[in-house]
Amino acid sequence: MEETYSFYEDEEQEPKATDASWKVLIVDDDIEVHRATRSSIADFVFQGKGLELLFATSAMEARKLISAHDDIAVILLDVVMEDDLAGLNFAKYVREELKNRFVRILLRTGQPGIAPEKSVIVDYDINGFLEKSDLTIQKLYTAIITCLRSYRDIIDLDNANAALKTEFEMRIEAERKMAEQAQQAAIGLAIAQIIHGAKNILNALKGGKYIIEAALKDENLELIKKGWDVTKIGISRMEDLTAGLLDLSRYNQLKPEPHSLNAVVAEVLETCRNTQSCSTMNDVAIIADIEEALPLARFDYKAIHTVLMNLLSNSVDACKDKADGASGRVKMRTYLCGDDYVNLDVEDNGCGIKPEDLENIFKLFYTTKHSKGNGLGLSITKKIIEEHGGKLSVSSELGVGTKFTISLPKDRRHK
């Protein structure tokens, strides 16, 4: 009585074959090999699935079959057919031209001298080597079951990778949409804030216009001057708003070069002494504490000049808002911080910042100056520093004062 074999994962109970099957391609120019193979594995069952056998008598026929069936699990492949290397060339076609890395290929040859096992396994991406002269049903079953397990695991892994890729792409798309929505919301908020600020300025200009028109009717020169003063305030605030918005959009393509931070501090102080726009600083003492041996840092000179002017202006305003009426003082100090950064402190003895305001002061359009500010200066300052690869931090105590600290990367090429 002929012995049959069945392989399954659960050793306690053999599952029955289902309609689904594992496809196995038999490629051999000997028809008797086809018949013997069909007879030997006719009752094969693995994981509840039988075998669907496909037959080819040449490498050319095998190419047509594997092109038509992309789910072939195992190929039993003869080497010598149309020529001595027909089988090996077919294996190379499967792997290199069809890019099929799933199918398991078992070489089954009666002339092992033509294709040595070691060379074949290494050079042709073959998964097993069987000699017809030494091939038993048990060895054939063992080889097929090993290939089917490998094929199953590769397919499962590929499906898992595809699912992960799909999930990853879905998450990326969801994040992109969320970022787009957040950007649109931010743009909407920014526009609303700009319109709100512009309307306040426009109201001031309308007030000045009304006063001037009334004064012209009465030919009241003093009232005209008063109206013009109100109008000038509106114009100045509009200039500040426009300049801030331009700065916010401008500092996105910085050109960092080696510069002296001390030189920027000196220029800012000189600007404040000589320009009429800084005349309000005259009541506040501005002190410079410069470290003479400070190394060069890498930064965009104009951008950092804007940063220092913003911080100095804020510190002076804070000193003027101090409730106890004490003399205002602002100290600008440069120093080396470790081996990587050059630091600048801008410290004042002004009114300080409320804790609830401190965490929001760098947000766009957030201001503690009410009608005096537009909420752009510190947002611009933080943006500039971070785009230099630097850091900006702040500490403050209400009624005592505030300190802003800038850290800029040191220039490595200059000692």
Protein backbone atom coordinates (compact mmCIF):
# COMPACT_ATOMS: atom_id res chain seq x y z
CA MET A 1 0.00 0.00 0.00
CA GLU A 2 1.39 3.42 -0.99
CA GLU A 3 2.29 5.67 1.96
CA THR A 4 0.95 9.26 1.92
CA TYR A 5 2.11 12.29 3.87
CA SER A 6 0.36 15.33 5.30
CA PHE A 7 1.95 18.29 7.09
CA TYR A 8 0.09 20.72 9.35
CA GLU A 9 0.83 23.13 12.20
CA ASP A 10 -1.52 21.58 14.80
CA GLU A 11 -0.19 18.08 15.61
CA GLU A 12 -3.35 17.10 17.54
CA GLN A 13 -5.80 17.29 14.62
CA GLU A 14 -5.16 17.27 10.88
CA PRO A 15 -7.20 19.96 9.09
CA LYS A 16 -9.07 18.99 5.95
CA ALA A 17 -8.08 20.50 2.62
CA THR A 18 -10.05 23.55 1.58
CA ASP A 19 -10.79 25.08 -1.80
CA ALA A 20 -7.74 27.31 -1.40
CA SER A 21 -4.42 25.77 -2.43
CA TRP A 22 -0.71 26.38 -2.66
CA LYS A 23 0.47 26.80 -6.23
CA VAL A 24 3.54 24.72 -7.16
CA LEU A 25 5.20 25.00 -10.57
CA ILE A 26 6.97 21.88 -11.87
CA VAL A 27 9.56 22.76 -14.55
CA ASP A 28 11.20 19.72 -16.16
CA ASP A 29 11.63 18.49 -19.75
CA ASP A 30 11.02 14.89 -18.67
CA ILE A 31 7.29 14.03 -18.74
CA GLU A 32 7.89 11.04 -16.46
CA VAL A 33 9.17 13.40 -13.78
CA HIS A 34 5.90 15.32 -14.03
CA ARG A 35 3.88 12.13 -13.58
CA ALA A 36 5.96 10.91 -10.66
CA THR A 37 5.78 14.26 -8.94
CA ARG A 38 1.99 14.47 -9.36
CA SER A 39 1.65 10.98 -7.89
CA SER A 40 4.04 11.60 -5.00
CA ILE A 41 2.38 14.76 -3.69
CA ALA A 42 -1.23 14.15 -4.73
CA ASP A 43 -2.47 13.99 -1.12
CA PHE A 44 -0.30 16.80 0.24
CA VAL A 45 -2.04 19.09 2.76
CA PHE A 46 -0.46 21.98 4.68
CA GLN A 47 -2.47 24.28 6.93
CA GLY A 48 -5.71 23.01 5.45
CA LYS A 49 -4.63 23.75 1.89
CA GLY A 50 -3.73 21.28 -0.83
CA LEU A 51 -1.54 21.85 -3.86
CA GLU A 52 -2.40 23.22 -7.28
CA LEU A 53 0.24 21.89 -9.65
CA LEU A 54 1.33 23.76 -12.79
CA PHE A 55 3.58 22.03 -15.35
CA ALA A 56 6.14 23.32 -17.84
CA THR A 57 8.46 21.27 -20.02
CA SER A 58 10.83 24.12 -20.81
CA ALA A 59 12.10 27.38 -19.35
CA MET A 60 10.16 29.25 -22.05
CA GLU A 61 6.87 27.63 -20.94
CA ALA A 62 7.79 28.34 -17.33
CA ARG A 63 8.23 32.05 -18.10
CA LYS A 64 4.70 32.22 -19.50
CA LEU A 65 3.20 30.41 -16.51
CA ILE A 66 4.90 32.48 -13.82
CA SER A 67 3.97 35.66 -15.67
CA ALA A 68 0.33 34.54 -15.60
CA HIS A 69 0.41 33.35 -11.95
CA ASP A 70 2.03 35.81 -9.56
CA ASP A 71 1.01 33.73 -6.51
CA ILE A 72 3.14 30.64 -7.18
CA ALA A 73 4.60 29.54 -3.84
CA VAL A 74 7.19 26.94 -4.87
CA ILE A 75 9.03 26.07 -8.08
CA LEU A 76 10.55 22.60 -8.56
CA LEU A 77 13.09 23.44 -11.24
CA ASP A 78 15.24 21.24 -13.45
CA VAL A 79 18.58 22.69 -14.53
CA VAL A 80 19.29 21.08 -17.92
CA MET A 81 16.46 21.57 -20.40
CA GLU A 82 16.79 23.60 -23.64
CA ASP A 83 20.44 23.95 -22.71
CA ASP A 84 22.72 23.17 -19.77
CA LEU A 85 21.84 26.39 -17.90
CA ALA A 86 18.19 26.84 -18.89
CA GLY A 87 16.95 26.30 -15.34
CA LEU A 88 19.48 28.64 -13.75
CA ASN A 89 18.76 31.34 -16.32
CA PHE A 90 15.05 30.96 -15.57
CA ALA A 91 15.78 31.42 -11.84
CA LYS A 92 17.71 34.58 -12.62
CA TYR A 93 14.79 35.79 -14.77
CA VAL A 94 12.37 35.29 -11.87
CA ARG A 95 14.52 37.16 -9.36
CA GLU A 96 16.07 39.91 -11.48
CA GLU A 97 13.53 40.68 -14.21
CA LEU A 98 10.23 39.81 -12.55
CA LYS A 99 11.57 41.04 -9.17
CA ASN A 100 9.74 38.12 -7.55
CA ARG A 101 11.34 37.64 -4.14
CA PHE A 102 8.44 35.64 -2.70
CA VAL A 103 8.45 32.35 -4.64
CA ARG A 104 10.72 29.63 -3.22
CA ILE A 105 12.87 27.87 -5.82
CA LEU A 106 14.01 24.24 -5.39
CA LEU A 107 16.51 22.99 -7.94
CA ARG A 108 15.93 19.34 -8.82
CA THR A 109 18.64 17.99 -11.11
CA GLY A 110 19.93 14.65 -12.28
CA GLN A 111 23.31 16.16 -13.26
CA PRO A 112 24.66 17.92 -10.12
CA GLY A 113 28.09 18.28 -11.67
CA ILE A 114 26.77 20.86 -14.11
CA ALA A 115 25.44 23.11 -11.33
CA PRO A 116 27.35 22.56 -8.04
CA GLU A 117 25.07 23.13 -5.02
CA LYS A 118 27.26 25.74 -3.26
CA SER A 119 27.69 27.89 -6.37
CA VAL A 120 23.98 27.71 -7.22
CA ILE A 121 22.76 28.71 -3.76
CA VAL A 122 25.15 31.68 -3.61
CA ASP A 123 24.92 32.97 -7.18
CA TYR A 124 21.28 32.39 -8.15
CA ASP A 125 19.15 33.03 -5.02
CA ILE A 126 18.00 29.41 -4.87
CA ASN A 127 16.26 28.12 -1.73
CA GLY A 128 17.12 24.44 -1.95
CA PHE A 129 18.98 21.84 -3.97
CA LEU A 130 17.70 18.29 -4.60
CA GLU A 131 19.43 15.47 -6.52
CA LYS A 132 17.00 13.27 -8.41
CA SER A 133 19.09 10.17 -7.82
CA ASP A 134 18.83 10.58 -4.05
CA LEU A 135 15.32 12.04 -3.83
CA THR A 136 12.71 10.21 -1.74
CA ILE A 137 9.09 11.17 -1.14
CA GLN A 138 9.98 12.09 2.43
CA LYS A 139 12.80 14.43 1.30
CA LEU A 140 10.53 16.01 -1.31
CA TYR A 141 7.78 16.58 1.27
CA THR A 142 10.26 18.04 3.76
CA ALA A 143 11.71 20.39 1.15
CA ILE A 144 8.26 21.55 -0.01
CA ILE A 145 6.95 22.10 3.51
CA THR A 146 10.06 24.12 4.42
CA CYS A 147 9.57 26.30 1.34
CA LEU A 148 5.86 26.77 2.03
CA ARG A 149 6.54 27.89 5.60
CA SER A 150 9.12 30.35 4.31
CA TYR A 151 6.76 31.60 1.56
CA ARG A 152 3.92 32.00 4.09
CA ASP A 153 6.11 34.00 6.48
CA ILE A 154 7.43 36.26 3.72
CA ILE A 155 3.90 36.95 2.45
CA ASP A 156 2.67 37.66 5.99
CA LEU A 157 5.58 40.01 6.59
CA ASP A 158 4.99 41.79 3.28
CA ASN A 159 1.29 42.20 4.09
CA ALA A 160 2.18 43.56 7.52
CA ASN A 161 4.64 46.00 5.96
CA ALA A 162 2.02 47.09 3.43
CA ALA A 163 -0.49 47.64 6.22
CA LEU A 164 2.06 49.63 8.21
CA LYS A 165 2.92 51.67 5.13
CA THR A 166 -0.76 52.39 4.51
CA GLU A 167 -1.29 53.37 8.13
CA PHE A 168 1.84 55.54 8.06
CA GLU A 169 0.69 57.29 4.89
CA MET A 170 -2.77 57.82 6.40
CA ARG A 171 -1.22 59.32 9.53
CA ILE A 172 1.06 61.56 7.48
CA GLU A 173 -1.93 62.74 5.45
CA ALA A 174 -3.97 63.32 8.62
CA GLU A 175 -1.09 65.27 10.17
CA ARG A 176 -0.70 67.26 6.95
CA LYS A 177 -4.39 68.17 7.01
CA MET A 178 -4.20 69.08 10.69
CA ALA A 179 -1.12 71.23 10.05
CA GLU A 180 -2.90 72.85 7.10
CA GLN A 181 -5.96 73.55 9.22
CA ALA A 182 -3.78 74.90 12.03
CA GLN A 183 -1.94 77.10 9.53
CA GLN A 184 -5.21 78.38 8.10
CA ALA A 185 -6.49 79.06 11.62
CA ALA A 186 -3.24 80.87 12.46
CA ILE A 187 -3.48 82.93 9.27
CA GLY A 188 -7.10 83.76 10.08
CA LEU A 189 -6.14 84.78 13.60
CA ALA A 190 -3.24 86.85 12.30
CA ILE A 191 -5.47 88.62 9.79
CA ALA A 192 -8.07 89.27 12.49
CA GLN A 193 -5.40 90.69 14.79
CA ILE A 194 -3.95 92.87 12.04
CA ILE A 195 -7.40 94.17 11.15
CA HIS A 196 -8.13 94.82 14.82
CA GLY A 197 -4.86 96.73 15.22
CA ALA A 198 -5.43 98.65 12.00
CA LYS A 199 -8.97 99.59 13.06
CA ASN A 200 -7.69 100.98 16.36
CA ILE A 201 -5.10 103.04 14.49
CA LEU A 202 -7.73 104.15 11.98
CA ASN A 203 -9.96 105.31 14.83
CA ALA A 204 -7.08 107.43 16.16
CA LEU A 205 -6.56 108.93 12.70
CA LYS A 206 -10.29 109.61 12.37
CA GLY A 207 -10.20 111.32 15.77
CA GLY A 208 -7.34 113.53 14.66
CA LYS A 209 -9.13 114.27 11.40
CA TYR A 210 -12.31 115.25 13.25
CA ILE A 211 -10.43 117.61 15.57
CA ILE A 212 -8.53 119.24 12.69
CA GLU A 213 -11.70 119.72 10.60
CA ALA A 214 -13.50 121.27 13.56
CA ALA A 215 -10.51 123.50 14.27
CA LEU A 216 -10.32 124.65 10.64
CA LYS A 217 -13.93 125.79 10.74
CA ASP A 218 -13.23 127.88 13.82
CA GLU A 219 -9.75 128.82 12.63
CA ASN A 220 -8.48 127.59 16.00
CA LEU A 221 -4.73 127.07 15.64
CA GLU A 222 -4.29 125.49 19.07
CA LEU A 223 -6.99 122.92 18.32
CA ILE A 224 -5.36 122.16 14.96
CA LYS A 225 -2.09 121.42 16.76
CA LYS A 226 -3.94 119.11 19.15
CA GLY A 227 -5.58 117.29 16.26
CA TRP A 228 -2.26 116.96 14.49
CA ASP A 229 -0.67 115.48 17.62
CA VAL A 230 -3.39 112.81 17.71
CA THR A 231 -2.91 112.14 14.00
CA LYS A 232 0.86 111.80 14.40
CA ILE A 233 0.34 109.15 17.07
CA GLY A 234 -1.86 107.17 14.67
CA ILE A 235 0.67 107.52 11.85
CA SER A 236 3.50 106.40 14.14
CA ARG A 237 1.55 103.34 15.27
CA MET A 238 0.75 102.45 11.66
CA GLU A 239 4.45 102.74 10.79
CA ASP A 240 5.30 100.43 13.69
CA LEU A 241 2.68 97.88 12.63
CA THR A 242 3.82 97.93 9.00
CA ALA A 243 7.50 97.67 9.94
CA GLY A 244 6.77 94.79 12.31
CA LEU A 245 4.87 92.83 9.68
CA LEU A 246 7.65 93.39 7.17
CA ASP A 247 10.23 92.22 9.70
CA LEU A 248 8.19 89.12 10.46
CA SER A 249 8.14 88.09 6.81
CA ARG A 250 11.68 89.24 6.02
CA TYR A 251 13.75 87.20 8.47
CA ASN A 252 13.41 83.78 6.90
CA GLN A 253 16.55 83.79 4.75
CA LEU A 254 19.27 84.93 7.10
CA LYS A 255 22.93 85.09 6.11
CA PRO A 256 24.94 84.31 9.25
CA GLU A 257 28.58 85.43 9.14
CA PRO A 258 31.27 85.89 11.81
CA HIS A 259 30.56 89.09 13.74
CA SER A 260 31.31 90.66 17.07
CA LEU A 261 28.29 90.81 19.36
CA ASN A 262 30.04 93.62 21.22
CA ALA A 263 30.08 95.67 18.01
CA VAL A 264 26.30 95.31 17.62
CA VAL A 265 25.76 96.39 21.23
CA ALA A 266 27.96 99.45 20.70
CA GLU A 267 26.10 100.41 17.52
CA VAL A 268 22.70 100.03 19.18
CA LEU A 269 23.78 102.26 22.07
CA GLU A 270 25.17 104.84 19.65
CA THR A 271 21.92 104.78 17.67
CA CYS A 272 19.93 105.41 20.85
CA ARG A 273 22.10 108.39 21.76
CA ASN A 274 21.91 110.07 18.37
CA THR A 275 18.46 109.40 16.92
CA GLN A 276 15.40 111.39 17.79
CA SER A 277 13.28 108.22 17.93
CA CYS A 278 15.21 107.11 20.99
CA SER A 279 14.92 110.40 22.85
CA THR A 280 12.43 108.78 25.23
CA MET A 281 15.30 106.67 26.56
CA ASN A 282 17.03 109.71 28.03
CA ASP A 283 15.36 109.24 31.41
CA VAL A 284 16.64 105.65 31.68
CA ALA A 285 20.27 104.78 32.41
CA ILE A 286 21.62 102.28 29.88
CA ILE A 287 24.73 100.43 31.00
CA ALA A 288 26.99 98.21 28.89
CA ASP A 289 29.02 95.43 30.54
CA ILE A 290 31.18 94.11 27.73
CA GLU A 291 33.50 91.11 27.88
CA GLU A 292 36.45 92.36 25.86
CA ALA A 293 37.77 88.91 24.92
CA LEU A 294 34.39 87.74 23.65
CA PRO A 295 34.77 85.36 20.66
CA LEU A 296 33.02 86.03 17.38
CA ALA A 297 29.56 84.56 16.85
CA ARG A 298 27.77 83.64 13.62
CA PHE A 299 24.75 85.81 12.88
CA ASP A 300 23.07 88.13 10.43
CA TYR A 301 24.19 91.58 11.57
CA LYS A 302 21.05 93.53 10.59
CA ALA A 303 18.74 90.93 12.10
CA ILE A 304 20.53 90.88 15.47
CA HIS A 305 20.59 94.69 15.43
CA THR A 306 16.78 94.57 15.15
CA VAL A 307 16.64 92.07 18.03
CA LEU A 308 18.67 94.28 20.35
CA MET A 309 16.65 97.36 19.48
CA ASN A 310 13.44 95.46 20.25
CA LEU A 311 14.69 94.21 23.61
CA LEU A 312 16.19 97.55 24.60
CA SER A 313 12.99 99.39 23.69
CA ASN A 314 10.90 96.95 25.75
CA SER A 315 13.21 97.29 28.73
CA VAL A 316 13.07 101.09 28.61
CA ASP A 317 9.26 100.99 28.40
CA ALA A 318 9.21 98.65 31.41
CA CYS A 319 11.36 101.10 33.38
CA LYS A 320 9.01 103.98 32.55
CA ASP A 321 6.02 101.91 33.71
CA LYS A 322 7.61 101.22 37.09
CA ALA A 323 5.07 102.15 39.77
CA ASP A 324 7.46 103.27 42.52
CA GLY A 325 8.94 106.04 40.37
CA ALA A 326 12.52 104.87 40.98
CA SER A 327 15.21 105.63 38.42
CA GLY A 328 15.14 103.28 35.50
CA ARG A 329 18.20 101.22 34.56
CA VAL A 330 18.90 98.83 31.70
CA LYS A 331 22.05 96.71 31.61
CA MET A 332 23.35 95.00 28.46
CA ARG A 333 25.96 92.34 29.29
CA THR A 334 27.92 90.09 26.92
CA TYR A 335 29.77 86.96 28.02
CA LEU A 336 30.89 83.52 26.85
CA CYS A 337 28.65 80.60 27.80
CA GLY A 338 30.53 77.28 27.74
CA ASP A 339 32.29 76.31 24.52
CA ASP A 340 29.39 76.69 22.11
CA TYR A 341 27.52 79.94 22.71
CA VAL A 342 28.05 83.67 23.06
CA ASN A 343 25.50 85.24 25.38
CA LEU A 344 23.87 88.62 25.79
CA ASP A 345 21.68 89.67 28.73
CA VAL A 346 19.31 92.64 28.52
CA GLU A 347 18.23 93.26 32.11
CA ASP A 348 16.08 96.06 33.52
CA ASN A 349 14.74 97.12 36.91
CA GLY A 350 11.33 97.91 35.46
CA CYS A 351 7.81 96.87 36.33
CA GLY A 352 8.34 93.17 35.60
CA ILE A 353 5.95 90.78 33.86
CA LYS A 354 2.97 89.04 35.40
CA PRO A 355 3.32 85.22 35.57
CA GLU A 356 0.21 84.75 33.43
CA ASP A 357 1.72 87.02 30.76
CA LEU A 358 5.21 85.53 30.90
CA GLU A 359 4.27 82.30 29.15
CA ASN A 360 2.55 84.17 26.31
CA ILE A 361 4.84 87.11 25.55
CA PHE A 362 6.46 85.43 22.54
CA LYS A 363 3.13 84.63 20.89
CA LEU A 364 2.24 86.55 17.76
CA PHE A 365 0.16 89.69 18.48
CA TYR A 366 0.24 89.12 22.25
CA THR A 367 1.06 92.37 24.02
CA THR A 368 1.08 93.66 27.58
CA LYS A 369 1.29 97.27 26.39
CA HIS A 370 -2.37 97.45 25.36
CA SER A 371 -2.81 100.31 22.87
CA LYS A 372 0.92 101.12 22.94
CA GLY A 373 2.05 97.85 21.36
CA ASN A 374 1.13 95.55 18.48
CA GLY A 375 2.49 92.23 19.79
CA LEU A 376 5.03 91.76 17.01
CA GLY A 377 8.37 92.77 18.54
CA LEU A 378 9.06 89.76 20.77
CA SER A 379 7.60 87.33 18.23
CA ILE A 380 10.04 88.66 15.65
CA THR A 381 12.88 88.59 18.16
CA LYS A 382 12.31 84.92 19.05
CA LYS A 383 11.92 83.95 15.38
CA ILE A 384 15.23 85.59 14.47
CA ILE A 385 17.17 84.00 17.32
CA GLU A 386 15.83 80.50 16.69
CA GLU A 387 16.53 80.73 12.95
CA HIS A 388 20.15 81.42 13.92
CA GLY A 389 20.19 78.15 15.85
CA GLY A 390 20.23 80.16 19.06
CA LYS A 391 18.10 80.41 22.17
CA LEU A 392 16.04 83.16 23.77
CA SER A 393 14.91 82.93 27.38
CA VAL A 394 13.29 85.31 29.86
CA SER A 395 12.96 85.58 33.61
CA SER A 396 10.98 88.23 35.45
CA GLU A 397 9.70 89.23 38.86
CA LEU A 398 6.75 91.57 39.13
CA GLY A 399 7.81 94.96 40.46
CA VAL A 400 11.50 94.03 40.39
CA GLY A 401 12.51 93.69 36.76
CA THR A 402 13.05 91.43 33.74
CA LYS A 403 16.02 89.76 32.09
CA PHE A 404 16.14 88.48 28.50
CA THR A 405 19.04 86.18 27.59
CA ILE A 406 20.18 85.57 24.01
CA SER A 407 22.50 82.66 23.16
CA LEU A 408 24.10 82.64 19.70
CA PRO A 409 26.33 79.91 18.28
CA LYS A 410 30.01 80.72 18.53
CA ASP A 411 31.95 80.88 15.29
CA ARG A 412 34.19 77.79 15.23
CA ARG A 413 36.58 79.14 12.62
CA HIS A 414 37.65 82.09 14.72
CA LYS A 415 39.23 81.82 18.16
